[in-house]
C-alpha atoms as a PDB file:
ATOM      1  CA  MET A   1      14.097  -5.867  -4.871  1.00  0.00           C
ATOM      2  CA  GLN A   2      14.054  -2.244  -3.681  1.00  0.00           C
ATOM      3  CA  ILE A   3      11.535  -1.107  -1.042  1.00  0.00           C
ATOM      4  CA  ARG A   4       9.652   1.019  -3.583  1.00  0.00           C
ATOM      5  CA  GLU A   5       9.275  -2.032  -5.824  1.00  0.00           C
ATOM      6  CA  VAL A   6       7.961  -4.055  -2.894  1.00  0.00           C
ATOM      7  CA  ILE A   7       5.451  -1.317  -2.075  1.00  0.00           C
ATOM      8  CA  ALA A   8       4.361  -1.070  -5.717  1.00  0.00           C
ATOM      9  CA  GLN A   9       3.795  -4.833  -5.847  1.00  0.00           C
ATOM     10  CA  LEU A  10       1.805  -4.799  -2.608  1.00  0.00           C
ATOM     11  CA  GLU A  11      -0.316  -1.901  -3.888  1.00  0.00           C
ATOM     12  CA  LYS A  12      -1.006  -3.802  -7.102  1.00  0.00           C
ATOM     13  CA  GLU A  13      -2.063  -6.863  -5.090  1.00  0.00           C
ATOM     14  CA  MET A  14      -4.213  -4.628  -2.865  1.00  0.00           C
ATOM     15  CA  TYR A  15      -6.126  -3.188  -5.831  1.00  0.00           C
ATOM     16  CA  ILE A  16      -6.588  -6.635  -7.357  1.00  0.00           C
ATOM     17  CA  ALA A  17      -7.883  -7.995  -4.050  1.00  0.00           C
ATOM     18  CA  ALA A  18     -10.370  -5.121  -3.749  1.00  0.00           C
ATOM     19  CA  LYS A  19     -11.502  -5.607  -7.344  1.00  0.00           C
ATOM     20  CA  ASN A  20     -12.119  -9.277  -6.541  1.00  0.00           C
ATOM     21  CA  LEU A  21     -14.122  -8.278  -3.438  1.00  0.00           C
ATOM     22  CA  GLN A  22     -11.426  -9.648  -1.110  1.00  0.00           C
ATOM     23  CA  PHE A  23     -11.725  -6.662   1.188  1.00  0.00           C
ATOM     24  CA  GLU A  24     -10.075  -8.166   4.262  1.00  0.00           C
ATOM     25  CA  ARG A  25      -7.009  -9.117   2.219  1.00  0.00           C
ATOM     26  CA  ALA A  26      -6.974  -5.668   0.610  1.00  0.00           C
ATOM     27  CA  ALA A  27      -7.111  -4.056   4.052  1.00  0.00           C
ATOM     28  CA  ARG A  28      -4.200  -6.173   5.317  1.00  0.00           C
ATOM     29  CA  LEU A  29      -2.172  -5.194   2.252  1.00  0.00           C
ATOM     30  CA  ARG A  30      -3.110  -1.510   2.748  1.00  0.00           C
ATOM     31  CA  ASP A  31      -1.902  -1.703   6.343  1.00  0.00           C
ATOM     32  CA  LYS A  32       1.366  -3.346   5.266  1.00  0.00           C
ATOM     33  CA  VAL A  33       1.929  -0.644   2.634  1.00  0.00           C
ATOM     34  CA  LYS A  34       1.322   2.051   5.248  1.00  0.00           C
ATOM     35  CA  GLU A  35       3.703   0.340   7.671  1.00  0.00           C
ATOM     36  CA  LEU A  36       6.462   0.153   5.050  1.00  0.00           C
ATOM     37  CA  LYS A  37       5.941   3.731   3.884  1.00  0.00           C
ATOM     38  CA  ASP A  38       6.001   5.029   7.446  1.00  0.00           C
ATOM     39  CA  ALA A  39       9.095   2.999   8.331  1.00  0.00           C
ATOM     40  CA  HIS A  40      10.968   4.275   5.276  1.00  0.00           C
ATOM     41  CA  ASN A  41       9.512   7.816   5.332  1.00  0.00           C
ATOM     42  CA  ILE A  42       8.026   7.421   1.841  1.00  0.00           C
ATOM     43  CA  LYS A  43       5.345   9.832   0.676  1.00  0.00           C
ATOM     44  CA  ASN A  44       2.488   9.068  -1.720  1.00  0.00           C
ATOM     45  CA  LYS A  45       3.165  10.144  -5.291  1.00  0.00           C
ATOM     46  CA  GLU A  46      -0.377  11.413  -5.872  1.00  0.00           C
ATOM     47  CA  ASN A  47      -0.500  14.166  -3.274  1.00  0.00           C
ATOM     48  CA  GLY A  48       2.845  14.185  -1.465  1.00  0.00           C
ATOM     49  CA  THR A  49       1.328  13.113   1.856  1.00  0.00           C
ATOM     50  CA  SER A  50       1.777   9.989   3.887  1.00  0.00           C
ATOM     51  CA  PHE A  51      -0.561   7.088   3.145  1.00  0.00           C
ATOM     52  CA  LYS A  52      -3.596   7.459   5.361  1.00  0.00           C
ATOM     53  CA  ASN A  53      -6.324   5.008   6.392  1.00  0.00           C
ATOM     54  CA  HIS A  54      -9.889   6.207   5.842  1.00  0.00           C
END
């Protein structure tokens, strides 16, 4: 599995967790996605910027 596929899967799990009100799990997944994107210098598709925590 390529890194972008891994990130896409984690993002999907993150959104599902948030939808199911599993916010702590969603936050852990968000942090993992950010870590992977930063490590592999991957930008967000939506706006071309790095994934940021809010």
